[in-house]
């Protein structure tokens, strides 16, 4: 179920999880994104250059794990659990995620 409150134009796209792009070892983008993570347990080096909220969740379908929730620019490292899972990114600026 979705409940959407907005004061401007918006759209919602609902698609099967299988259609989400698979996360590579080096990801980059700007704004919100969703990726399938199919890798092993890893450490992710993460950066964000926006000025508002930056959030990274990892969800295995049971409950999302909040990895990062910062306002503004961010640079740090977080552990990723082994996949399969989803990486859910909320950002207002450019970001990178590199796993090792």
C-alpha atoms as a PDB file:
ATOM      1  CA  UNK A   1       0.000   0.000   0.000  1.00  0.00           C
ATOM      2  CA  UNK A   2       1.258   3.461  -0.842  1.00  0.00           C
ATOM      3  CA  UNK A   3       0.229   6.775   0.625  1.00  0.00           C
ATOM      4  CA  UNK A   4       1.579   9.775  -1.246  1.00  0.00           C
ATOM      5  CA  UNK A   5       1.269  13.394  -0.180  1.00  0.00           C
ATOM      6  CA  UNK A   6       2.631  16.011  -2.572  1.00  0.00           C
ATOM      7  CA  UNK A   7       2.072  19.603  -3.589  1.00  0.00           C
ATOM      8  CA  UNK A   8       3.435  19.127  -7.118  1.00  0.00           C
ATOM      9  CA  UNK A   9       3.627  16.648  -9.960  1.00  0.00           C
ATOM     10  CA  UNK A  10       4.871  13.142  -9.145  1.00  0.00           C
ATOM     11  CA  UNK A  11       4.992   9.641 -10.596  1.00  0.00           C
ATOM     12  CA  UNK A  12       5.358   6.173  -9.140  1.00  0.00           C
ATOM     13  CA  UNK A  13       6.866   3.231 -10.987  1.00  0.00           C
ATOM     14  CA  UNK A  14       6.324  -0.229  -9.550  1.00  0.00           C
ATOM     15  CA  UNK A  15       8.395  -3.000 -11.081  1.00  0.00           C
ATOM     16  CA  UNK A  16       9.624  -6.469 -10.094  1.00  0.00           C
ATOM     17  CA  UNK A  17      12.816  -6.500  -8.019  1.00  0.00           C
ATOM     18  CA  UNK A  18      14.448  -8.538 -10.789  1.00  0.00           C
ATOM     19  CA  UNK A  19      14.356  -5.444 -13.031  1.00  0.00           C
ATOM     20  CA  UNK A  20      16.566  -3.407 -10.677  1.00  0.00           C
ATOM     21  CA  UNK A  21      20.124  -3.062 -12.009  1.00  0.00           C
ATOM     22  CA  UNK A  22      22.743  -5.290 -10.392  1.00  0.00           C
ATOM     23  CA  UNK A  23      25.239  -3.384  -8.244  1.00  0.00           C
ATOM     24  CA  UNK A  24      28.781  -3.481  -9.586  1.00  0.00           C
ATOM     25  CA  UNK A  25      31.876  -2.985  -7.420  1.00  0.00           C
ATOM     26  CA  UNK A  26      31.893   0.704  -8.410  1.00  0.00           C
ATOM     27  CA  UNK A  27      28.595   2.609  -8.408  1.00  0.00           C
ATOM     28  CA  UNK A  28      27.979   6.282  -8.972  1.00  0.00           C
ATOM     29  CA  UNK A  29      24.974   8.448  -9.580  1.00  0.00           C
ATOM     30  CA  UNK A  30      23.045  11.531  -8.571  1.00  0.00           C
ATOM     31  CA  UNK A  31      19.729  11.453  -6.764  1.00  0.00           C
ATOM     32  CA  UNK A  32      17.722   8.434  -5.668  1.00  0.00           C
ATOM     33  CA  UNK A  33      18.484   4.901  -6.892  1.00  0.00           C
ATOM     34  CA  UNK A  34      17.828   1.212  -6.223  1.00  0.00           C
ATOM     35  CA  UNK A  35      20.292  -1.617  -6.973  1.00  0.00           C
ATOM     36  CA  UNK A  36      20.294  -5.375  -6.398  1.00  0.00           C
ATOM     37  CA  UNK A  37      23.326  -6.402  -4.357  1.00  0.00           C
ATOM     38  CA  UNK A  38      24.378  -9.984  -5.059  1.00  0.00           C
ATOM     39  CA  UNK A  39      27.913  -9.840  -3.660  1.00  0.00           C
ATOM     40  CA  UNK A  40      29.597 -11.241  -0.578  1.00  0.00           C
ATOM     41  CA  UNK A  41      30.026  -9.476   2.753  1.00  0.00           C
ATOM     42  CA  UNK A  42      32.058  -6.350   1.990  1.00  0.00           C
ATOM     43  CA  UNK A  43      33.062  -2.899   3.133  1.00  0.00           C
ATOM     44  CA  UNK A  44      31.646  -0.066   1.032  1.00  0.00           C
ATOM     45  CA  UNK A  45      33.461   3.266   0.735  1.00  0.00           C
ATOM     46  CA  UNK A  46      30.675   5.820   0.254  1.00  0.00           C
ATOM     47  CA  UNK A  47      30.645   9.518  -0.633  1.00  0.00           C
ATOM     48  CA  UNK A  48      27.919  12.115  -1.213  1.00  0.00           C
ATOM     49  CA  UNK A  49      28.289  15.782  -2.176  1.00  0.00           C
ATOM     50  CA  UNK A  50      24.715  17.014  -1.694  1.00  0.00           C
ATOM     51  CA  UNK A  51      23.397  19.424   0.905  1.00  0.00           C
ATOM     52  CA  UNK A  52      20.288  17.564   2.135  1.00  0.00           C
ATOM     53  CA  UNK A  53      19.552  14.139   3.557  1.00  0.00           C
ATOM     54  CA  UNK A  54      21.659  11.221   2.292  1.00  0.00           C
ATOM     55  CA  UNK A  55      20.386   7.750   3.199  1.00  0.00           C
ATOM     56  CA  UNK A  56      21.674   4.282   2.338  1.00  0.00           C
ATOM     57  CA  UNK A  57      19.592   1.247   3.305  1.00  0.00           C
ATOM     58  CA  UNK A  58      20.325  -2.406   2.599  1.00  0.00           C
ATOM     59  CA  UNK A  59      17.303  -4.691   2.650  1.00  0.00           C
ATOM     60  CA  UNK A  60      17.181  -8.469   2.379  1.00  0.00           C
ATOM     61  CA  UNK A  61      13.389  -8.377   2.172  1.00  0.00           C
ATOM     62  CA  UNK A  62      12.772  -8.761   5.900  1.00  0.00           C
ATOM     63  CA  UNK A  63      13.545  -5.242   7.095  1.00  0.00           C
ATOM     64  CA  UNK A  64      15.826  -2.497   5.772  1.00  0.00           C
ATOM     65  CA  UNK A  65      19.125  -1.979   7.572  1.00  0.00           C
ATOM     66  CA  UNK A  66      19.923   1.741   7.882  1.00  0.00           C
ATOM     67  CA  UNK A  67      23.606   2.081   6.953  1.00  0.00           C
ATOM     68  CA  UNK A  68      23.870   5.865   6.506  1.00  0.00           C
ATOM     69  CA  UNK A  69      21.565   8.745   7.447  1.00  0.00           C
ATOM     70  CA  UNK A  70      23.430  12.059   7.192  1.00  0.00           C
ATOM     71  CA  UNK A  71      22.643  15.639   6.228  1.00  0.00           C
ATOM     72  CA  UNK A  72      24.945  17.188   3.619  1.00  0.00           C
ATOM     73  CA  UNK A  73      28.268  15.927   2.355  1.00  0.00           C
ATOM     74  CA  UNK A  74      29.370  12.477   3.526  1.00  0.00           C
ATOM     75  CA  UNK A  75      32.460  10.337   3.191  1.00  0.00           C
ATOM     76  CA  UNK A  76      32.948   7.091   5.083  1.00  0.00           C
ATOM     77  CA  UNK A  77      32.800   3.310   5.057  1.00  0.00           C
ATOM     78  CA  UNK A  78      30.009   0.922   6.010  1.00  0.00           C
ATOM     79  CA  UNK A  79      29.726  -2.880   6.111  1.00  0.00           C
ATOM     80  CA  UNK A  80      27.444  -4.628   3.620  1.00  0.00           C
ATOM     81  CA  UNK A  81      25.865  -7.979   4.415  1.00  0.00           C
ATOM     82  CA  UNK A  82      26.071 -10.700   1.775  1.00  0.00           C
ATOM     83  CA  UNK A  83      23.379 -10.588  -0.892  1.00  0.00           C
ATOM     84  CA  UNK A  84      20.926 -11.073  -2.298  1.00  0.00           C
ATOM     85  CA  UNK A  85      19.571  -7.749  -1.101  1.00  0.00           C
ATOM     86  CA  UNK A  86      18.634  -4.282  -2.293  1.00  0.00           C
ATOM     87  CA  UNK A  87      20.639  -1.092  -1.874  1.00  0.00           C
ATOM     88  CA  UNK A  88      18.230   1.839  -1.513  1.00  0.00           C
ATOM     89  CA  UNK A  89      19.803   5.267  -1.992  1.00  0.00           C
ATOM     90  CA  UNK A  90      18.168   8.611  -1.206  1.00  0.00           C
ATOM     91  CA  UNK A  91      20.290  11.590  -2.207  1.00  0.00           C
ATOM     92  CA  UNK A  92      20.075  15.151  -3.482  1.00  0.00           C
ATOM     93  CA  UNK A  93      23.569  15.203  -4.959  1.00  0.00           C
ATOM     94  CA  UNK A  94      26.194  13.034  -6.600  1.00  0.00           C
ATOM     95  CA  UNK A  95      27.263   9.875  -4.743  1.00  0.00           C
ATOM     96  CA  UNK A  96      29.665   6.956  -5.125  1.00  0.00           C
ATOM     97  CA  UNK A  97      29.754   3.495  -3.578  1.00  0.00           C
ATOM     98  CA  UNK A  98      32.854   1.295  -3.998  1.00  0.00           C
ATOM     99  CA  UNK A  99      33.015  -2.185  -2.448  1.00  0.00           C
ATOM    100  CA  UNK A 100      36.143  -4.067  -1.496  1.00  0.00           C
END
